[in-house]
Each structure stands twice: as structure tokens, then as C-alpha cells.
Amino acid sequence: MTIRRVTADDRLTTSFPLAAYAFESSPLGAARVEHFRDYLPYHQGNTTLVIEEDGATLAAVSAIGMRQNLRGVVLPMAGVAGVATHPLARRQGHVRTLLHRLLDEMRDEGRPLSALYPFRPSFYARFGYVGLPKPRTVTFTPADLGSLLRAELPGEVGWERIAAGYPTWRAFTERCLEQRHGFSVFPDYRAVGLRDRDEHWLLTARVDGAVTGAITYRIDDYGGTLLGNELLATDPLARTLLLQFLARHVDQVERVSLQVPPDELPELWLTDLDVRVEARAGRPGSSAPMARLLSLDALSGLPVGPGRVRVELTGDRWLAGTHLLDGTSGTLDVVTDGSARVPSATLTAAGLSALAYGVLDPAELPLRGLGEVQPDAAAELRSIFPREVPYLFADF
């Protein structure tokens, strides 16, 4: 067996067929196979590794070079995708071998963060990944937004095809990247797929000429559903401007279905709004995303709360050793072999990642098998890494 990096047209006969078998209906028709070539430009910068034996591809994994906001600092991130194995080669350790090689390369290339959407969360938990919250799907009837039609709001909305409005959309997501914890964006070569397919409308909210909110959407049929992707709003006014536009579809669609960030509370948007809010996490097909730190470089210089704690990192290929985490200056210093005279904790990579991403309290880590944390160390870690809801945004 050999491991090699594939590029360009090689994907057509190696990684693409495996991923299609794993994640699509099968067997594929000839027309669907022909579409594979259309995807090549949007994978050109990916790192794709395969295991081969006697000319057959046994397994494949890919990493997309992305960027992610971690507590206010934008860092390079490896988005792991396309993890698939030939059905006759499954449960033989091939994905483990490829993931080790892939994440080694990503770390060496200076990507201290990684995220993915798992086929089975417990599988990736063994690689140090920890769960992140899912976006919520919100469904309501536009008739319930009727009160907004009478509201006089400062600002305006813009409406155009995504192909025309793509530069505006891209610039706004870049602003969200700078401002929102956990937010991630694709590299340009992947992001432009939304523009090139041109299958959505772009709705923007603007105040004093500046874009403050946006959503891409399509309508499946007359009397059907207005299907919105991610509703992005920097403030309540932006969100209300977007909802006011959706209210105008009362005689066109029966319902509106949107995705909203995991910390959004649609049940409080309007009085008497009959709304269904869902976030189903299950398998296969609807698992919540996961993420991890690949390097402690991700923590150095983060804005954090005051606190000092000594952590011993165990059981991980990429994070190990004893380190002092010092947030007393307001930004985090990471010192190897920190002082033994401060509270200490033993953490797994997933445990430290859970704290950095803000998804677990230190007291939860022992309950999840992610570390041993005494009360004094928990207090310091809680101060350094206060709970914060991450929003991954990019879906890959």
C-alpha cells in the first residue's frame, strides 16, 4: 500500500468516486459522474491524500485551507472533508493512517486549528476533536411577520442574484469572520462556487450605506417554501430589515425556513410568532460540527480573562507536555514547563479544545473523560476561557 497526494484530474478517479459512494445516492448515473469535472476548480487548493493498493484507491481524505476566528483572533484552519473508504476496505485503519498524515502536514504548514463535520462524532473524538453547536433551522409562516410591514425602519434592503451580489456577500462574510467567535470562511477558490452556480438570491440589509445583514435564499415553488441559508445580522435592526422583506412573501409562499446561528433566539423575535426551532444532531447525515487545536500556537496572544494555571496535556499526537497558561496581562502567554506553584490540571487535547472554543465548562471535563481538573484549577481555567458560543458558519 502507498500513500500519495493527488491533485487536479486525479481526483476524478480517486477521491471523488469514494466520497460520492459514501455521501450520495448510488450507484451513480453517467450524468452525475460527468459533473465531477465541474467540481475540480473548487478543489484546486485542497490537500487530498489517498491510500492505494494494486492501482485501487482504498481511502481518501482532504483538507481545505480555511480561516477561523478563535476568541477574536483569525487563524489558519484545516477544514477536513471528503473522508471516505472503499466498502471492501473499511475498518482496516486506513482513515486513521491518512488523518495522521494529513493533520501532520496541516500543522507543519502553520494551521493551528482544524474543524470538520463528522460521519460519527465518537470516531473523531479519538483524534482530539470536540463538538461545536449546530445552527438552528427556523420555520414560520410569513403571515406572522405582518406587523413588520407597518414598521418604519431606518435603513434599506438590497435584492439581487448572488452572481451579481457575490462581492458584497464575500466582503460581509469577511467582516463576520473578524467579529464572530468560531466563524470560518472558505478560501477564494472554493467560495466562488456559490457565485458560479448562481442558484440563490442575495438579500442585504444596509444602514447608512453599510451592509449590516445578509441572507442567501431560493424559493422552491409557488405556494411552497422560501429556503434561506444562513441569516447573518450584526444587530437587531439588520435582522428586522431582513424579516420585513420576507414578510412581503405572504401571498407567494406557505412557509419560510432559515438557518440561524446557535445563539439566536427566534422565539423572541416577535410577539405571537408561531415558530419552530430545531437543531437535530444524529447520524448518519446530521451530526454537529467538531473542532480541535492542532498547535498551542493558536492560544498564544488570545484575548482572555485573568488567570494562571498549569496544564499537562496527555494522550495526543499533536498536543503534549506541561505548560503554564497565563492570562493575567489580558492576552494569553503559553510557557512550556510552567511553574508548579500554581493550580494544575491534566487535560486531553479535546478537553483543552473544548475550553478554547468555549463549549464546555472546566467542571464538565472530568465527567466527559477529557481531563482531571481540581476546583482551584477549574476556577482559573473558567476565568481564562469564559463560555462563548462558537458559530462555524462554513459547511463543508
Protein backbone atom coordinates (compact mmCIF):
# COMPACT_ATOMS: atom_id res chain seq x y z
CA MET A 1 0.00 0.00 0.00
CA THR A 2 1.14 3.53 -0.73
CA ILE A 3 0.03 6.98 0.38
CA ARG A 4 0.17 9.80 -2.11
CA ARG A 5 -1.12 13.32 -2.58
CA VAL A 6 -3.43 13.69 -5.55
CA THR A 7 -4.17 16.83 -7.50
CA ALA A 8 -6.19 18.05 -10.46
CA ASP A 9 -7.72 15.35 -12.66
CA ASP A 10 -6.52 12.53 -10.37
CA ARG A 11 -9.45 13.34 -8.09
CA LEU A 12 -11.88 12.25 -10.80
CA THR A 13 -10.87 8.61 -10.40
CA THR A 14 -9.68 8.52 -6.78
CA SER A 15 -11.24 10.68 -4.07
CA PHE A 16 -14.41 11.86 -5.87
CA PRO A 17 -15.90 8.39 -6.54
CA LEU A 18 -15.23 7.26 -2.96
CA ALA A 19 -16.82 10.39 -1.48
CA ALA A 20 -19.80 10.08 -3.81
CA TYR A 21 -20.39 6.47 -2.76
CA ALA A 22 -20.11 7.41 0.91
CA PHE A 23 -22.31 10.51 0.90
CA GLU A 24 -24.68 10.35 -2.10
CA SER A 25 -27.28 8.03 -3.57
CA SER A 26 -25.71 5.18 -5.52
CA PRO A 27 -24.90 3.74 -7.93
CA LEU A 28 -24.28 6.98 -9.74
CA GLY A 29 -25.67 7.65 -13.18
CA ALA A 30 -23.39 8.62 -16.03
CA ALA A 31 -24.61 12.22 -15.93
CA ARG A 32 -23.65 12.56 -12.28
CA VAL A 33 -20.17 11.21 -12.95
CA GLU A 34 -19.78 13.77 -15.72
CA HIS A 35 -20.48 16.52 -13.18
CA PHE A 36 -17.35 15.55 -11.22
CA ARG A 37 -15.20 17.53 -13.65
CA ASP A 38 -17.22 20.66 -12.87
CA TYR A 39 -16.07 20.42 -9.23
CA LEU A 40 -12.35 20.44 -9.97
CA PRO A 41 -11.84 24.24 -9.86
CA TYR A 42 -13.35 24.34 -6.35
CA HIS A 43 -10.91 21.71 -5.06
CA GLN A 44 -7.75 23.01 -6.72
CA GLY A 45 -6.14 24.22 -3.49
CA ASN A 46 -7.19 21.30 -1.31
CA THR A 47 -4.73 18.84 0.11
CA THR A 48 -6.03 15.36 -0.79
CA LEU A 49 -4.33 12.16 0.33
CA VAL A 50 -5.23 8.64 -0.77
CA ILE A 51 -4.14 5.12 0.11
CA GLU A 52 -3.73 2.86 -2.91
CA GLU A 53 -3.05 -0.83 -3.44
CA ASP A 54 -2.63 -2.55 -6.80
CA GLY A 55 -3.98 0.53 -8.56
CA ALA A 56 -7.16 0.74 -6.48
CA THR A 57 -7.98 3.64 -4.17
CA LEU A 58 -8.80 2.29 -0.70
CA ALA A 59 -9.38 5.52 1.22
CA ALA A 60 -9.17 9.28 0.81
CA VAL A 61 -9.14 12.40 2.99
CA SER A 62 -8.93 16.09 2.13
CA ALA A 63 -8.18 19.36 3.91
CA ILE A 64 -9.42 22.77 2.82
CA GLY A 65 -7.17 25.66 3.77
CA MET A 66 -9.60 27.93 5.62
CA ARG A 67 -9.56 30.70 8.21
CA GLN A 68 -11.36 30.73 11.56
CA ASN A 69 -11.95 33.21 14.36
CA LEU A 70 -10.87 31.89 17.76
CA ARG A 71 -11.90 34.30 20.52
CA GLY A 72 -11.35 37.34 18.34
CA VAL A 73 -8.19 36.25 16.52
CA VAL A 74 -8.37 34.95 12.94
CA LEU A 75 -6.13 31.93 12.40
CA PRO A 76 -5.41 29.45 9.59
CA MET A 77 -7.64 26.38 9.90
CA ALA A 78 -7.74 22.99 8.19
CA GLY A 79 -11.27 22.00 7.23
CA VAL A 80 -11.25 18.21 6.98
CA ALA A 81 -13.65 16.82 4.37
CA GLY A 82 -14.15 14.02 1.88
CA VAL A 83 -13.18 11.30 4.36
CA ALA A 84 -14.21 8.05 2.67
CA THR A 85 -13.18 4.42 2.39
CA HIS A 86 -13.85 1.76 -0.23
CA PRO A 87 -16.60 -0.52 1.13
CA LEU A 88 -14.32 -3.57 0.93
CA ALA A 89 -11.53 -1.77 2.81
CA ARG A 90 -13.44 -0.34 5.76
CA ARG A 91 -12.47 -0.85 9.41
CA GLN A 92 -8.87 -1.59 8.49
CA GLY A 93 -7.33 1.62 9.87
CA HIS A 94 -6.86 3.38 6.54
CA VAL A 95 -8.63 6.60 7.56
CA ARG A 96 -6.66 6.73 10.80
CA THR A 97 -3.42 6.46 8.85
CA LEU A 98 -4.45 9.16 6.39
CA LEU A 99 -5.75 11.54 9.07
CA HIS A 100 -2.50 11.29 11.00
CA ARG A 101 -0.55 12.16 7.85
CA LEU A 102 -2.97 14.91 6.82
CA LEU A 103 -3.05 16.65 10.20
CA ASP A 104 0.73 16.33 10.49
CA GLU A 105 1.02 18.22 7.21
CA MET A 106 -1.56 20.83 8.17
CA ARG A 107 0.18 21.51 11.47
CA ASP A 108 3.58 21.74 9.76
CA GLU A 109 2.10 24.22 7.25
CA GLY A 110 1.10 26.53 10.10
CA ARG A 111 -2.57 25.65 10.58
CA PRO A 112 -3.10 25.52 14.35
CA LEU A 113 -6.86 24.80 14.11
CA SER A 114 -8.95 22.12 12.46
CA ALA A 115 -12.70 21.57 12.06
CA LEU A 116 -14.93 19.02 10.36
CA TYR A 117 -18.44 17.62 10.05
CA PRO A 118 -18.20 14.03 11.31
CA PHE A 119 -19.83 10.91 9.93
CA ARG A 120 -19.59 9.61 13.50
CA PRO A 121 -18.57 12.00 16.30
CA SER A 122 -17.11 9.28 18.52
CA PHE A 123 -14.68 8.35 15.76
CA TYR A 124 -13.23 11.85 15.59
CA ALA A 125 -13.28 12.23 19.36
CA ARG A 126 -10.38 9.74 19.31
CA PHE A 127 -8.45 12.31 17.28
CA GLY A 128 -8.99 15.06 19.86
CA TYR A 129 -11.98 16.75 18.24
CA VAL A 130 -14.77 18.17 20.39
CA GLY A 131 -18.33 19.03 19.40
CA LEU A 132 -19.48 22.54 18.44
CA PRO A 133 -23.13 23.69 18.44
CA LYS A 134 -25.20 23.33 15.30
CA PRO A 135 -27.00 26.22 13.64
CA ARG A 136 -30.75 26.23 14.24
CA THR A 137 -33.33 25.73 11.50
CA VAL A 138 -36.22 28.14 11.94
CA THR A 139 -39.59 27.63 10.22
CA PHE A 140 -42.57 30.03 10.28
CA THR A 141 -45.28 31.46 8.07
CA PRO A 142 -44.68 34.90 6.54
CA ALA A 143 -48.17 35.92 7.69
CA ASP A 144 -46.85 36.01 11.26
CA LEU A 145 -44.43 38.75 10.21
CA GLY A 146 -47.27 41.02 9.13
CA SER A 147 -46.73 43.57 11.88
CA LEU A 148 -43.31 44.35 10.40
CA LEU A 149 -44.88 45.62 7.19
CA ARG A 150 -46.20 48.61 9.09
CA ALA A 151 -42.89 49.40 10.77
CA GLU A 152 -40.83 52.33 9.55
CA LEU A 153 -37.24 51.25 9.96
CA PRO A 154 -34.06 53.22 9.32
CA GLY A 155 -32.06 51.57 6.59
CA GLU A 156 -32.92 49.69 3.42
CA VAL A 157 -32.61 46.30 1.79
CA GLY A 158 -30.88 45.26 -1.40
CA TRP A 159 -32.01 42.36 -3.59
CA GLU A 160 -30.14 40.70 -6.46
CA ARG A 161 -28.91 37.38 -7.83
CA ILE A 162 -25.93 36.02 -5.95
CA ALA A 163 -23.78 36.11 -9.09
CA ALA A 164 -24.16 39.89 -9.22
CA GLY A 165 -24.00 40.40 -5.48
CA TYR A 166 -21.21 37.95 -4.69
CA PRO A 167 -18.54 40.62 -3.97
CA THR A 168 -20.90 42.20 -1.42
CA TRP A 169 -21.65 38.82 0.16
CA ARG A 170 -18.00 37.83 0.33
CA ALA A 171 -16.97 41.15 1.86
CA PHE A 172 -19.69 40.85 4.50
CA THR A 173 -18.69 37.32 5.48
CA GLU A 174 -15.11 38.54 5.80
CA ARG A 175 -16.37 41.17 8.28
CA CYS A 176 -18.22 38.46 10.20
CA LEU A 177 -15.00 36.45 10.28
CA GLU A 178 -13.23 39.30 12.03
CA GLN A 179 -16.01 39.80 14.56
CA ARG A 180 -17.53 36.43 15.44
CA HIS A 181 -16.01 33.64 17.56
CA GLY A 182 -15.83 30.31 15.73
CA PHE A 183 -16.74 31.81 12.36
CA SER A 184 -14.92 30.31 9.38
CA VAL A 185 -14.75 31.07 5.67
CA PHE A 186 -13.62 29.18 2.60
CA PRO A 187 -10.61 30.17 0.52
CA ASP A 188 -11.50 32.15 -2.59
CA TYR A 189 -11.23 29.20 -4.96
CA ARG A 190 -13.92 27.32 -3.00
CA ALA A 191 -16.14 30.25 -2.04
CA VAL A 192 -16.77 31.33 -5.64
CA GLY A 193 -18.80 28.16 -6.24
CA LEU A 194 -21.79 29.99 -4.75
CA ARG A 195 -21.36 32.73 -7.35
CA ASP A 196 -20.76 30.39 -10.27
CA ARG A 197 -23.79 28.19 -9.59
CA ASP A 198 -25.96 31.32 -9.24
CA GLU A 199 -28.83 29.37 -7.67
CA HIS A 200 -29.73 31.86 -4.92
CA TRP A 201 -30.99 35.35 -4.36
CA LEU A 202 -28.95 37.65 -2.15
CA LEU A 203 -30.81 39.87 0.32
CA THR A 204 -28.84 42.51 2.21
CA ALA A 205 -29.72 44.96 4.97
CA ARG A 206 -27.97 48.32 4.80
CA VAL A 207 -27.80 51.22 7.21
CA ASP A 208 -26.11 54.45 6.11
CA GLY A 209 -24.84 52.57 3.06
CA ALA A 210 -23.04 49.86 5.06
CA VAL A 211 -24.14 46.21 4.86
CA THR A 212 -25.25 45.08 8.32
CA GLY A 213 -27.06 41.85 7.46
CA ALA A 214 -27.42 39.34 4.64
CA ILE A 215 -29.03 36.07 3.66
CA THR A 216 -28.98 33.94 0.52
CA TYR A 217 -32.19 32.12 -0.37
CA ARG A 218 -34.28 30.45 -3.04
CA ILE A 219 -37.99 29.64 -3.44
CA ASP A 220 -38.84 26.04 -4.26
CA ASP A 221 -42.27 26.73 -5.79
CA TYR A 222 -45.32 28.97 -5.75
CA GLY A 223 -47.18 28.16 -2.54
CA GLY A 224 -44.12 26.31 -1.28
CA THR A 225 -41.16 27.25 0.89
CA LEU A 226 -38.72 30.14 0.89
CA LEU A 227 -35.50 28.33 1.78
CA GLY A 228 -32.91 30.59 3.35
CA ASN A 229 -29.34 29.69 4.09
CA GLU A 230 -27.55 31.38 6.98
CA LEU A 231 -29.17 34.56 8.29
CA LEU A 232 -26.29 36.86 9.21
CA ALA A 233 -27.07 40.05 11.11
CA THR A 234 -24.76 42.30 13.07
CA ASP A 235 -27.59 43.78 15.16
CA PRO A 236 -31.37 43.51 15.73
CA LEU A 237 -32.12 46.26 13.22
CA ALA A 238 -30.40 44.34 10.44
CA ARG A 239 -32.29 41.17 11.33
CA THR A 240 -35.61 43.06 11.40
CA LEU A 241 -34.96 44.62 7.99
CA LEU A 242 -34.39 41.15 6.55
CA LEU A 243 -37.52 39.74 8.19
CA GLN A 244 -39.58 42.69 6.95
CA PHE A 245 -38.61 41.77 3.38
CA LEU A 246 -39.58 38.13 3.97
CA ALA A 247 -42.99 39.29 5.25
CA ARG A 248 -43.77 40.55 1.73
CA HIS A 249 -43.95 36.94 0.52
CA VAL A 250 -47.17 36.19 2.41
CA ASP A 251 -49.13 35.60 -0.82
CA GLN A 252 -46.32 33.72 -2.54
CA VAL A 253 -45.05 31.02 -0.15
CA GLU A 254 -46.64 29.00 2.61
CA ARG A 255 -43.63 28.97 4.88
CA VAL A 256 -40.14 30.35 5.40
CA SER A 257 -37.29 28.12 6.55
CA LEU A 258 -33.96 29.69 7.57
CA GLN A 259 -30.75 28.72 9.29
CA VAL A 260 -29.70 30.92 12.20
CA PRO A 261 -26.63 30.91 14.46
CA PRO A 262 -26.78 28.62 17.52
CA ASP A 263 -27.10 31.54 19.95
CA GLU A 264 -30.06 33.11 18.13
CA LEU A 265 -33.50 33.11 19.85
CA PRO A 266 -36.17 33.25 17.12
CA GLU A 267 -38.97 32.60 19.62
CA LEU A 268 -38.31 36.12 20.92
CA TRP A 269 -38.20 37.91 17.57
CA LEU A 270 -41.87 38.96 17.62
CA THR A 271 -44.90 38.64 19.87
CA ASP A 272 -47.25 35.86 18.69
CA LEU A 273 -44.71 34.49 16.21
CA ASP A 274 -45.57 30.82 15.68
CA VAL A 275 -42.11 29.44 15.04
CA ARG A 276 -40.46 26.05 15.03
CA VAL A 277 -36.80 25.99 16.06
CA GLU A 278 -34.82 22.79 15.50
CA ALA A 279 -31.27 21.53 15.81
CA ARG A 280 -31.14 17.79 15.33
CA ALA A 281 -27.82 16.06 15.94
CA GLY A 282 -27.74 12.45 14.83
CA ARG A 283 -26.05 10.05 12.48
CA PRO A 284 -25.66 9.46 9.70
CA GLY A 285 -26.08 12.78 7.99
CA SER A 286 -26.86 15.35 10.67
CA SER A 287 -24.01 15.39 13.17
CA ALA A 288 -22.93 18.62 14.81
CA PRO A 289 -19.55 20.01 13.70
CA MET A 290 -16.37 19.36 15.64
CA ALA A 291 -13.07 21.21 16.05
CA ARG A 292 -9.72 20.99 17.80
CA LEU A 293 -6.46 22.78 18.39
CA LEU A 294 -3.57 21.33 16.40
CA SER A 295 -0.94 23.56 17.98
CA LEU A 296 -0.63 25.63 21.12
CA ASP A 297 0.38 28.47 18.82
CA ALA A 298 -3.37 29.01 18.45
CA LEU A 299 -3.57 30.12 22.09
CA SER A 300 -0.60 32.47 22.26
CA GLY A 301 -1.79 36.07 22.30
CA LEU A 302 -5.51 35.34 22.53
CA PRO A 303 -7.55 37.93 24.45
CA VAL A 304 -8.56 36.09 27.62
CA GLY A 305 -9.65 36.65 31.19
CA PRO A 306 -7.26 36.88 34.15
CA GLY A 307 -5.95 33.58 35.44
CA ARG A 308 -2.89 31.35 35.73
CA VAL A 309 -2.95 27.58 35.56
CA ARG A 310 -0.51 24.79 34.79
CA VAL A 311 -1.84 22.17 32.38
CA GLU A 312 -0.44 18.78 31.50
CA LEU A 313 -1.59 17.63 28.07
CA THR A 314 -1.75 13.87 27.59
CA GLY A 315 -2.75 11.21 25.11
CA ASP A 316 -2.41 13.23 21.92
CA ARG A 317 -0.20 13.11 18.86
CA TRP A 318 -0.03 16.90 18.44
CA LEU A 319 -0.52 18.47 21.89
CA ALA A 320 1.61 17.20 24.72
CA GLY A 321 3.74 18.35 27.63
CA THR A 322 3.27 20.65 30.58
CA HIS A 323 2.54 24.32 30.03
CA LEU A 324 1.70 27.41 32.04
CA LEU A 325 -1.31 29.32 30.71
CA ASP A 326 -1.01 32.89 31.94
CA GLY A 327 -3.79 35.36 31.18
CA THR A 328 -3.01 37.93 33.83
CA SER A 329 -1.99 40.52 31.23
CA GLY A 330 -5.27 40.18 29.28
CA THR A 331 -3.64 38.19 26.50
CA LEU A 332 -2.63 34.58 26.87
CA ASP A 333 1.01 33.58 27.34
CA VAL A 334 1.84 29.89 26.92
CA VAL A 335 5.06 28.89 28.67
CA THR A 336 6.40 25.35 28.41
CA ASP A 337 7.05 23.59 31.73
CA GLY A 338 5.16 26.17 33.74
CA SER A 339 5.57 26.83 37.42
CA ALA A 340 4.42 24.10 39.81
CA ARG A 341 3.31 26.78 42.30
CA VAL A 342 0.01 27.48 40.52
CA PRO A 343 -3.16 25.34 40.26
CA SER A 344 -2.73 22.47 37.83
CA ALA A 345 -4.96 20.29 35.64
CA THR A 346 -4.45 17.29 33.39
CA LEU A 347 -6.27 17.68 30.07
CA THR A 348 -6.71 15.80 26.84
CA ALA A 349 -6.45 17.66 23.55
CA ALA A 350 -10.23 17.60 23.28
CA GLY A 351 -10.51 19.00 26.81
CA LEU A 352 -8.26 21.96 26.05
CA SER A 353 -10.00 22.47 22.70
CA ALA A 354 -13.39 22.50 24.44
CA LEU A 355 -12.20 25.28 26.73
CA ALA A 356 -10.61 27.30 23.92
CA TYR A 357 -13.76 27.08 21.79
CA GLY A 358 -15.91 27.87 24.82
CA VAL A 359 -18.24 24.86 24.57
CA LEU A 360 -17.61 23.19 27.95
CA ASP A 361 -17.06 24.39 31.50
CA PRO A 362 -13.91 23.05 33.24
CA ALA A 363 -16.11 21.16 35.71
CA GLU A 364 -17.60 19.18 32.80
CA LEU A 365 -14.26 17.84 31.56
CA PRO A 366 -13.86 15.05 34.16
CA LEU A 367 -17.46 13.98 33.55
CA ARG A 368 -16.67 13.59 29.83
CA GLY A 369 -13.34 11.83 30.33
CA LEU A 370 -11.47 14.86 28.99
CA GLY A 371 -9.24 15.58 31.97
CA GLU A 372 -8.77 15.85 35.70
CA VAL A 373 -9.49 19.34 37.00
CA GLN A 374 -9.45 20.29 40.67
CA PRO A 375 -11.71 23.15 41.84
CA ASP A 376 -8.90 25.71 42.11
CA ALA A 377 -7.66 24.89 38.60
CA ALA A 378 -11.24 24.95 37.30
CA ALA A 379 -11.68 28.48 38.65
CA GLU A 380 -8.55 29.66 36.85
CA LEU A 381 -9.50 27.95 33.58
CA ARG A 382 -13.03 29.35 33.81
CA SER A 383 -11.60 32.84 34.16
CA ILE A 384 -9.16 32.41 31.27
CA PHE A 385 -11.67 30.76 28.94
CA PRO A 386 -15.19 32.05 29.72
CA ARG A 387 -18.01 30.22 27.98
CA GLU A 388 -18.69 31.57 24.49
CA VAL A 389 -20.89 30.16 21.73
CA PRO A 390 -18.90 29.45 18.55
CA TYR A 391 -20.58 29.59 15.14
CA LEU A 392 -18.65 27.65 12.48
CA PHE A 393 -20.80 29.01 9.57
CA ALA A 394 -18.97 27.36 6.63
CA ASP A 395 -20.49 24.00 5.72
CA PHE A 396 -18.11 21.56 4.07
